[in-house]
Structures are given as structure tokens and as C-alpha cells.
């Protein structure tokens, strides 16, 4: 787990199968090369000036910058990808499986989603009302709080 806090994308616990290790390594390589991205993701990657906005949160994909209420927010690459995916689907409840597949490149059971959502909340919530909401037993949605 400590490796994830330092910016790692994934980890494998012992015992593990070589096939699972190779599949995860290929997923990381696909993410790095842009191959395997969905059509929507490729369209976003192809543009130079994409700024996603939800409430007072702005994410500039070209500059890899995030601001909440005008305040810069420092995110790891994985936190940035997770937030960008949530912001591309504002208000939509995304399952853990969807997040694992689109952000990490694999869809197996893992606690990594909860860990990174916690990291994002720790960085974003002190700057304004909570934006990441848990739909118990389903997943997460990024939307302004009803009372905001």
C-alpha cells in the first residue's frame, strides 16, 4: 500500500500468477502509449485546450493542472486520471469496475479505488463542499452537493 501513496499505479500481492503480472504490465504500457483508450478518451487526448469544470473545480488536461475555487491542487498522475475520468462523467455514478478499467486498465477486485478516492477527498474537500459522493454498494459520482 505504501507504494500507492508514493504514486504507484498498482501492486501485486504474493502469491501471484505470471499471467496476472503480465496482464497488468501490458495495461500500464497501453495507458502510457494511449493505445486502448476509448473513442471519447482519444478525442480528449487529441485536443490541446480541454478544461473540464464541475462546480468550482477545474481540470486542465493540457497543462495537467487542477484548481478548486482558484486554488491549485497538487495531484499524483493516478489521482489526476481518476479525477479527470470522474469529471468527464459529471453526476453519473461510476462503478468500481468501471473506474478500475478506465483509470488503472484492469477490472479485477481491488481496494485501490477506495484508496485513491480517499486521497482525492483529502485534497479537495478542505477547499469547498464535497464533490465526490459514494453511492453505497454501487460506486462514486462527482457532482456538487445539493446544499452547495
Protein backbone atom coordinates (compact mmCIF):
# COMPACT_ATOMS: atom_id res chain seq x y z
CA UNK A 1 0.00 0.00 0.00
CA UNK A 2 2.85 2.40 0.74
CA UNK A 3 3.87 2.30 -2.93
CA UNK A 4 0.43 3.62 -3.92
CA UNK A 5 0.83 6.62 -1.65
CA UNK A 6 4.12 7.39 -3.36
CA UNK A 7 2.48 7.50 -6.81
CA UNK A 8 2.47 3.85 -7.87
CA UNK A 9 -0.35 2.72 -10.16
CA UNK A 10 -0.85 -0.81 -8.91
CA UNK A 11 0.62 -3.61 -6.84
CA UNK A 12 0.57 -7.40 -6.87
CA UNK A 13 0.42 -9.46 -3.69
CA UNK A 14 2.05 -12.85 -3.26
CA UNK A 15 1.33 -15.43 -4.42
CA UNK A 16 0.57 -14.15 -7.89
CA UNK A 17 0.30 -15.71 -11.32
CA UNK A 18 2.71 -14.71 -14.06
CA UNK A 19 -0.28 -14.20 -16.37
CA UNK A 20 -1.81 -11.64 -13.98
CA UNK A 21 1.51 -9.81 -13.69
CA UNK A 22 1.96 -9.71 -17.48
CA UNK A 23 -1.65 -8.52 -17.98
CA UNK A 24 -1.15 -5.67 -15.51
CA UNK A 25 2.16 -4.67 -17.08
CA UNK A 26 0.50 -4.58 -20.52
CA UNK A 27 -2.32 -2.42 -19.14
CA UNK A 28 0.22 0.09 -17.80
CA UNK A 29 2.01 0.14 -21.16
CA UNK A 30 -1.30 0.70 -23.01
CA UNK A 31 -2.09 3.66 -20.75
CA UNK A 32 1.33 5.16 -21.41
CA UNK A 33 1.08 4.83 -25.18
CA UNK A 34 -2.53 5.99 -25.46
CA UNK A 35 -3.46 2.66 -27.12
CA UNK A 36 -6.58 1.02 -25.89
CA UNK A 37 -8.27 4.29 -24.96
CA UNK A 38 -11.93 4.64 -25.78
CA UNK A 39 -13.08 6.92 -28.57
CA UNK A 40 -14.07 9.62 -26.07
CA UNK A 41 -10.70 9.39 -24.33
CA UNK A 42 -8.86 9.62 -27.67
CA UNK A 43 -10.88 12.70 -28.65
CA UNK A 44 -9.94 14.38 -25.39
CA UNK A 45 -6.27 13.42 -25.82
CA UNK A 46 -6.29 14.86 -29.35
CA UNK A 47 -7.34 18.35 -28.27
CA UNK A 48 -4.97 20.94 -26.84
CA UNK A 49 -7.32 23.07 -24.74
CA UNK A 50 -9.58 20.76 -22.76
CA UNK A 51 -10.60 22.23 -19.42
CA UNK A 52 -13.14 20.19 -17.51
CA UNK A 53 -15.30 22.05 -14.97
CA UNK A 54 -17.66 20.83 -12.25
CA UNK A 55 -18.84 23.45 -9.75
CA UNK A 56 -15.70 25.37 -8.66
CA UNK A 57 -13.36 22.55 -9.72
CA UNK A 58 -11.33 22.94 -12.93
CA UNK A 59 -9.04 20.38 -14.53
CA UNK A 60 -6.78 21.44 -17.41
CA UNK A 61 -5.70 18.27 -19.22
CA UNK A 62 -3.19 20.01 -21.48
CA UNK A 63 -1.28 21.50 -18.54
CA UNK A 64 -2.03 18.76 -16.00
CA UNK A 65 -3.35 21.38 -13.57
CA UNK A 66 -6.24 21.24 -11.14
CA UNK A 67 -7.80 24.20 -9.31
CA UNK A 68 -10.56 24.29 -6.73
CA UNK A 69 -12.02 27.74 -6.18
CA UNK A 70 -8.93 29.17 -7.88
CA UNK A 71 -6.55 27.34 -5.52
CA UNK A 72 -4.07 24.96 -7.20
CA UNK A 73 -4.39 21.31 -6.11
CA UNK A 74 -1.33 19.07 -6.37
CA UNK A 75 -2.30 15.58 -7.59
CA UNK A 76 -0.31 12.47 -8.43
CA UNK A 77 -0.69 11.18 -12.01
CA UNK A 78 -3.10 8.47 -10.86
CA UNK A 79 -5.19 10.91 -8.82
CA UNK A 80 -5.29 13.21 -11.86
CA UNK A 81 -6.51 10.41 -14.18
CA UNK A 82 -9.17 9.34 -11.67
CA UNK A 83 -10.43 12.90 -11.23
CA UNK A 84 -10.43 13.50 -15.00
CA UNK A 85 -12.50 10.36 -15.58
CA UNK A 86 -14.99 11.37 -12.88
CA UNK A 87 -15.19 14.89 -14.35
CA UNK A 88 -15.88 13.53 -17.84
CA UNK A 89 -18.99 11.87 -16.37
CA UNK A 90 -20.41 14.52 -14.00
CA UNK A 91 -23.36 13.32 -11.93
CA UNK A 92 -23.07 9.77 -13.27
CA UNK A 93 -22.50 7.00 -10.73
CA UNK A 94 -19.44 5.05 -11.89
CA UNK A 95 -18.86 1.56 -10.55
CA UNK A 96 -15.56 0.47 -9.07
CA UNK A 97 -15.18 -1.90 -12.03
CA UNK A 98 -15.60 1.00 -14.50
CA UNK A 99 -13.05 3.10 -12.62
CA UNK A 100 -10.58 0.22 -12.41
CA UNK A 101 -10.88 -0.46 -16.13
CA UNK A 102 -10.63 3.15 -17.33
CA UNK A 103 -8.12 4.55 -14.84
CA UNK A 104 -5.93 1.55 -14.00
CA UNK A 105 -6.54 -0.64 -17.06
CA UNK A 106 -7.80 -3.75 -15.26
CA UNK A 107 -11.14 -4.76 -13.84
CA UNK A 108 -10.35 -7.17 -11.01
CA UNK A 109 -11.36 -6.67 -7.39
CA UNK A 110 -9.09 -4.17 -5.69
CA UNK A 111 -9.12 -1.66 -2.85
CA UNK A 112 -7.16 0.81 -4.98
CA UNK A 113 -10.31 2.74 -5.98
CA UNK A 114 -11.31 3.41 -2.38
CA UNK A 115 -7.74 4.41 -1.55
CA UNK A 116 -7.49 6.95 -4.37
CA UNK A 117 -10.99 8.36 -3.80
CA UNK A 118 -9.89 8.93 -0.21
CA UNK A 119 -6.75 10.74 -1.42
CA UNK A 120 -8.84 12.98 -3.69
CA UNK A 121 -11.33 13.78 -0.93
CA UNK A 122 -8.47 14.67 1.42
CA UNK A 123 -7.13 17.17 -1.11
CA UNK A 124 -10.41 18.60 -2.49
CA UNK A 125 -12.83 18.69 0.45
CA UNK A 126 -10.92 21.25 2.57
CA UNK A 127 -11.30 23.72 -0.32
CA UNK A 128 -15.10 23.59 -0.59
CA UNK A 129 -18.20 21.42 -0.26
CA UNK A 130 -17.69 17.71 -1.00
CA UNK A 131 -17.89 16.84 -4.70
CA UNK A 132 -17.21 13.09 -4.71
CA UNK A 133 -20.24 11.18 -3.46
CA UNK A 134 -20.47 7.48 -2.61
CA UNK A 135 -23.44 5.50 -3.88
CA UNK A 136 -23.34 2.69 -1.36
CA UNK A 137 -22.82 -0.70 -2.96
CA UNK A 138 -22.51 0.83 -6.45
CA UNK A 139 -19.67 3.32 -6.85
CA UNK A 140 -18.87 7.04 -6.94
CA UNK A 141 -20.21 10.18 -8.59
CA UNK A 142 -18.73 13.63 -8.95
CA UNK A 143 -21.37 16.33 -8.52
CA UNK A 144 -21.95 19.47 -6.48
CA UNK A 145 -23.55 18.92 -3.10
CA UNK A 146 -27.30 19.65 -3.10
CA UNK A 147 -26.81 22.17 -0.27
CA UNK A 148 -23.95 23.99 -2.04
